[in-house]
Amino acid sequence: MKIKRALTLQDVLAYKGHTLEFDGQWKEAIGNPEVTGAWLIWGNPTNGKTRFALQLAKYLARYVRVAYDSLEEGLSTSLQKAIAEIGFEEVQGSIVFLDKEPLPSLKARLSKRRSAQVIIVDSLQYTGLRYKEYIELKDSFRSKLFIFISHADGKEPKGEVARSIKYDASVKILVENFKAFAQSRYGGGEPYVIWEEAAEKLWNLK
């Protein structure tokens, strides 16, 4: 095995990652994130998880190329409706939607020049990924950011792989009652309101 050269202090201090300068509610929630590694979004059904992921995809497409892989639902009337409600016209040149594209095909797509820099996968449970494969995926595409959407078990991600990814992820986001609560290595920490009317109604009932 070839041993990589160790980094000097100067190497580390000279490192310049691809950082996105978020603003507004997104910066308050997440900070200024780097385009690398993985994020995890999880929540129970009908709490606004897909709506939030699409809002995030639209916002990210202002900065970088985005691919949204709908593994769970695929091309459908409900996904079409959600995309139309968010409105992607202003970023349509920076985003593609993938119809249940399996990971081998996705990896081949990402190996091409000018492929997406951010990949949103909905959902993790439909990938069949083991944790070792998740690490290999990240390491194979270190200049890309993978955002996985996960089912939930109460307030935690569902399944051993999802829980392991939660500990590894740079940004961890719980979606509950149309609010997103992020724990981010990049700052932020304020709740993000996904749908103000629905969130106000549901949280007032608590």
Protein backbone atom coordinates (compact mmCIF):
# COMPACT_ATOMS: atom_id res chain seq x y z
CA MET A 1 0.00 0.00 0.00
CA LYS A 2 1.33 3.41 -0.98
CA ILE A 3 1.49 5.77 1.99
CA LYS A 4 0.22 9.29 1.34
CA ARG A 5 2.41 12.21 2.22
CA ALA A 6 1.67 13.57 5.67
CA LEU A 7 0.36 17.14 5.80
CA THR A 8 2.49 19.86 7.28
CA LEU A 9 1.08 22.68 9.39
CA GLN A 10 1.46 24.96 6.37
CA ASP A 11 -0.55 22.50 4.24
CA VAL A 12 -3.39 22.55 6.75
CA LEU A 13 -3.41 26.33 7.14
CA ALA A 14 -3.29 26.84 3.37
CA TYR A 15 -6.33 24.60 2.77
CA LYS A 16 -9.23 26.36 1.05
CA GLY A 17 -12.44 24.43 0.91
CA HIS A 18 -15.45 25.18 -1.28
CA THR A 19 -17.56 27.11 1.20
CA LEU A 20 -20.99 28.53 0.41
CA GLU A 21 -21.86 31.99 1.74
CA PHE A 22 -25.43 31.41 2.91
CA ASP A 23 -27.67 34.31 3.89
CA GLY A 24 -30.94 34.99 5.68
CA GLN A 25 -32.82 32.15 7.32
CA TRP A 26 -30.51 29.55 5.75
CA LYS A 27 -27.40 31.08 7.35
CA GLU A 28 -29.19 31.39 10.68
CA ALA A 29 -30.07 27.69 10.51
CA ILE A 30 -26.92 26.13 8.99
CA GLY A 31 -24.12 28.73 8.81
CA ASN A 32 -21.75 28.76 5.82
CA PRO A 33 -21.31 25.10 4.83
CA GLU A 34 -18.56 23.42 2.85
CA VAL A 35 -19.38 21.36 -0.26
CA THR A 36 -18.01 18.04 0.96
CA GLY A 37 -19.04 15.11 3.13
CA ALA A 38 -22.62 14.39 4.09
CA TRP A 39 -25.70 15.82 5.74
CA LEU A 40 -28.66 13.90 7.15
CA ILE A 41 -32.28 15.06 7.19
CA TRP A 42 -34.89 12.98 9.00
CA GLY A 43 -38.44 13.24 10.24
CA ASN A 44 -41.76 11.45 10.42
CA PRO A 45 -44.25 11.44 7.51
CA THR A 46 -46.37 14.57 6.84
CA ASN A 47 -44.03 16.80 8.86
CA GLY A 48 -42.57 18.67 5.88
CA LYS A 49 -39.46 16.61 5.14
CA THR A 50 -39.80 16.53 1.33
CA ARG A 51 -40.89 20.18 1.17
CA PHE A 52 -37.84 21.17 3.19
CA ALA A 53 -35.50 19.07 1.03
CA LEU A 54 -36.88 20.69 -2.13
CA GLN A 55 -36.56 24.19 -0.63
CA LEU A 56 -32.96 23.35 0.27
CA ALA A 57 -32.31 21.98 -3.23
CA LYS A 58 -33.60 25.20 -4.77
CA TYR A 59 -31.48 27.36 -2.48
CA LEU A 60 -28.32 25.31 -3.09
CA ALA A 61 -28.89 25.52 -6.85
CA ARG A 62 -28.23 29.27 -6.57
CA TYR A 63 -24.61 28.37 -5.80
CA VAL A 64 -23.81 24.94 -7.30
CA ARG A 65 -25.19 22.20 -9.54
CA VAL A 66 -27.65 19.95 -7.71
CA ALA A 67 -29.08 16.49 -8.42
CA TYR A 68 -32.22 15.37 -6.57
CA ASP A 69 -32.56 11.58 -6.71
CA SER A 70 -36.11 10.58 -5.81
CA LEU A 71 -35.43 6.92 -5.06
CA GLU A 72 -38.49 6.38 -2.89
CA GLU A 73 -41.23 8.10 -4.84
CA GLY A 74 -39.77 8.63 -8.29
CA LEU A 75 -41.53 10.72 -10.91
CA SER A 76 -45.09 11.05 -9.66
CA THR A 77 -47.99 13.47 -9.46
CA SER A 78 -47.27 14.29 -5.82
CA LEU A 79 -43.59 15.03 -6.52
CA GLN A 80 -44.59 17.11 -9.54
CA LYS A 81 -47.00 19.10 -7.36
CA ALA A 82 -44.38 19.69 -4.67
CA ILE A 83 -41.81 20.85 -7.23
CA ALA A 84 -44.35 23.18 -8.86
CA GLU A 85 -45.27 24.69 -5.48
CA ILE A 86 -41.63 25.45 -4.64
CA GLY A 87 -40.97 26.88 -8.13
CA PHE A 88 -37.61 26.05 -9.67
CA GLU A 89 -37.76 28.18 -12.81
CA GLU A 90 -35.06 30.62 -11.69
CA VAL A 91 -32.54 27.79 -11.03
CA GLN A 92 -33.64 25.29 -13.69
CA GLY A 93 -30.21 25.33 -15.34
CA SER A 94 -28.54 24.24 -12.10
CA ILE A 95 -30.72 21.31 -11.00
CA VAL A 96 -31.75 17.92 -12.34
CA PHE A 97 -34.27 15.45 -10.93
CA LEU A 98 -33.48 11.75 -11.12
CA ASP A 99 -36.24 9.13 -11.36
CA LYS A 100 -35.32 6.31 -8.95
CA GLU A 101 -31.70 6.24 -10.13
CA PRO A 102 -29.87 3.42 -8.27
CA LEU A 103 -26.50 4.08 -6.69
CA PRO A 104 -24.36 2.34 -9.36
CA SER A 105 -25.89 4.59 -12.06
CA LEU A 106 -25.66 7.62 -9.80
CA LYS A 107 -21.94 6.99 -9.19
CA ALA A 108 -21.35 6.67 -12.95
CA ARG A 109 -23.18 9.97 -13.47
CA LEU A 110 -21.11 11.70 -10.79
CA SER A 111 -17.86 10.53 -12.41
CA LYS A 112 -18.59 12.67 -15.48
CA ARG A 113 -17.26 16.18 -15.95
CA ARG A 114 -19.52 18.99 -14.77
CA SER A 115 -21.68 16.58 -12.79
CA ALA A 116 -23.69 17.79 -9.80
CA GLN A 117 -21.74 19.02 -6.80
CA VAL A 118 -24.59 18.40 -4.35
CA ILE A 119 -26.61 15.19 -4.43
CA ILE A 120 -29.83 14.85 -2.45
CA VAL A 121 -30.99 11.25 -2.00
CA ASP A 122 -34.59 10.55 -0.99
CA SER A 123 -34.49 8.32 0.85
CA LEU A 124 -31.53 6.62 2.53
CA GLN A 125 -33.57 3.50 3.30
CA TYR A 126 -34.12 2.93 -0.44
CA THR A 127 -30.39 2.95 -1.26
CA GLY A 128 -29.60 -0.32 0.52
CA LEU A 129 -26.35 1.31 1.67
CA ARG A 130 -24.29 -0.25 4.39
CA TYR A 131 -22.22 2.10 6.53
CA LYS A 132 -18.94 0.95 4.98
CA GLU A 133 -20.35 1.67 1.50
CA TYR A 134 -21.45 5.12 2.68
CA ILE A 135 -17.89 5.92 3.77
CA GLU A 136 -16.53 4.63 0.45
CA LEU A 137 -19.04 6.80 -1.45
CA LYS A 138 -17.96 9.92 0.43
CA ASP A 139 -14.27 9.12 -0.04
CA SER A 140 -14.74 8.50 -3.77
CA PHE A 141 -16.30 11.94 -4.29
CA ARG A 142 -14.63 14.22 -1.77
CA SER A 143 -15.45 17.38 -3.74
CA LYS A 144 -19.18 16.64 -3.57
CA LEU A 145 -21.80 16.92 -0.84
CA PHE A 146 -24.29 14.10 -0.24
CA ILE A 147 -27.53 14.97 1.55
CA PHE A 148 -29.50 11.92 2.64
CA ILE A 149 -33.15 12.03 3.66
CA SER A 150 -34.09 9.37 6.20
CA HIS A 151 -37.19 7.90 7.73
CA ALA A 152 -37.49 8.47 11.47
CA ASP A 153 -38.11 6.40 14.56
CA GLY A 154 -39.56 8.96 16.93
CA LYS A 155 -37.05 11.83 16.99
CA GLU A 156 -34.13 9.74 15.75
CA PRO A 157 -33.21 8.48 12.26
CA LYS A 158 -34.58 5.01 11.51
CA GLY A 159 -32.13 2.12 11.32
CA GLU A 160 -28.54 1.43 12.32
CA VAL A 161 -27.01 2.89 9.14
CA ALA A 162 -28.99 6.12 9.45
CA ARG A 163 -28.03 6.50 13.10
CA SER A 164 -24.34 5.95 12.24
CA ILE A 165 -24.53 8.53 9.44
CA LYS A 166 -26.08 10.98 11.89
CA TYR A 167 -22.93 10.87 14.02
CA ASP A 168 -20.68 11.31 10.97
CA ALA A 169 -22.69 14.00 9.17
CA SER A 170 -21.51 17.62 9.12
CA VAL A 171 -25.10 18.85 9.33
CA LYS A 172 -27.89 16.93 11.07
CA ILE A 173 -31.46 18.18 10.56
CA LEU A 174 -34.59 17.00 12.35
CA VAL A 175 -37.83 18.02 10.63
CA GLU A 176 -40.82 18.27 12.93
CA ASN A 177 -44.16 19.99 12.41
CA PHE A 178 -42.89 22.02 9.45
CA LYS A 179 -39.81 23.31 11.24
CA ALA A 180 -36.25 22.14 10.61
CA PHE A 181 -33.84 21.98 13.55
CA ALA A 182 -30.21 21.81 12.45
CA GLN A 183 -27.05 20.89 14.30
CA SER A 184 -24.25 22.16 12.08
CA ARG A 185 -20.47 22.24 12.25
CA TYR A 186 -20.66 25.50 10.34
CA GLY A 187 -22.67 27.61 12.77
CA GLY A 188 -26.35 28.48 12.63
CA GLY A 189 -28.62 26.70 15.07
CA GLU A 190 -31.84 28.67 14.61
CA PRO A 191 -34.99 26.75 13.58
CA TYR A 192 -35.88 27.04 9.89
CA VAL A 193 -39.59 27.50 9.21
CA ILE A 194 -40.62 25.33 6.24
CA TRP A 195 -44.25 26.39 5.97
CA GLU A 196 -45.20 29.22 8.31
CA GLU A 197 -48.97 28.70 8.35
CA ALA A 198 -48.78 24.95 9.01
CA ALA A 199 -45.95 25.30 11.53
CA GLU A 200 -47.77 27.97 13.55
CA LYS A 201 -50.93 25.88 13.69
CA LEU A 202 -49.16 22.63 14.69
CA TRP A 203 -46.82 24.13 17.27
CA ASN A 204 -49.68 26.05 18.90
CA LEU A 205 -51.42 22.72 19.45
CA LYS A 206 -48.50 21.44 21.53
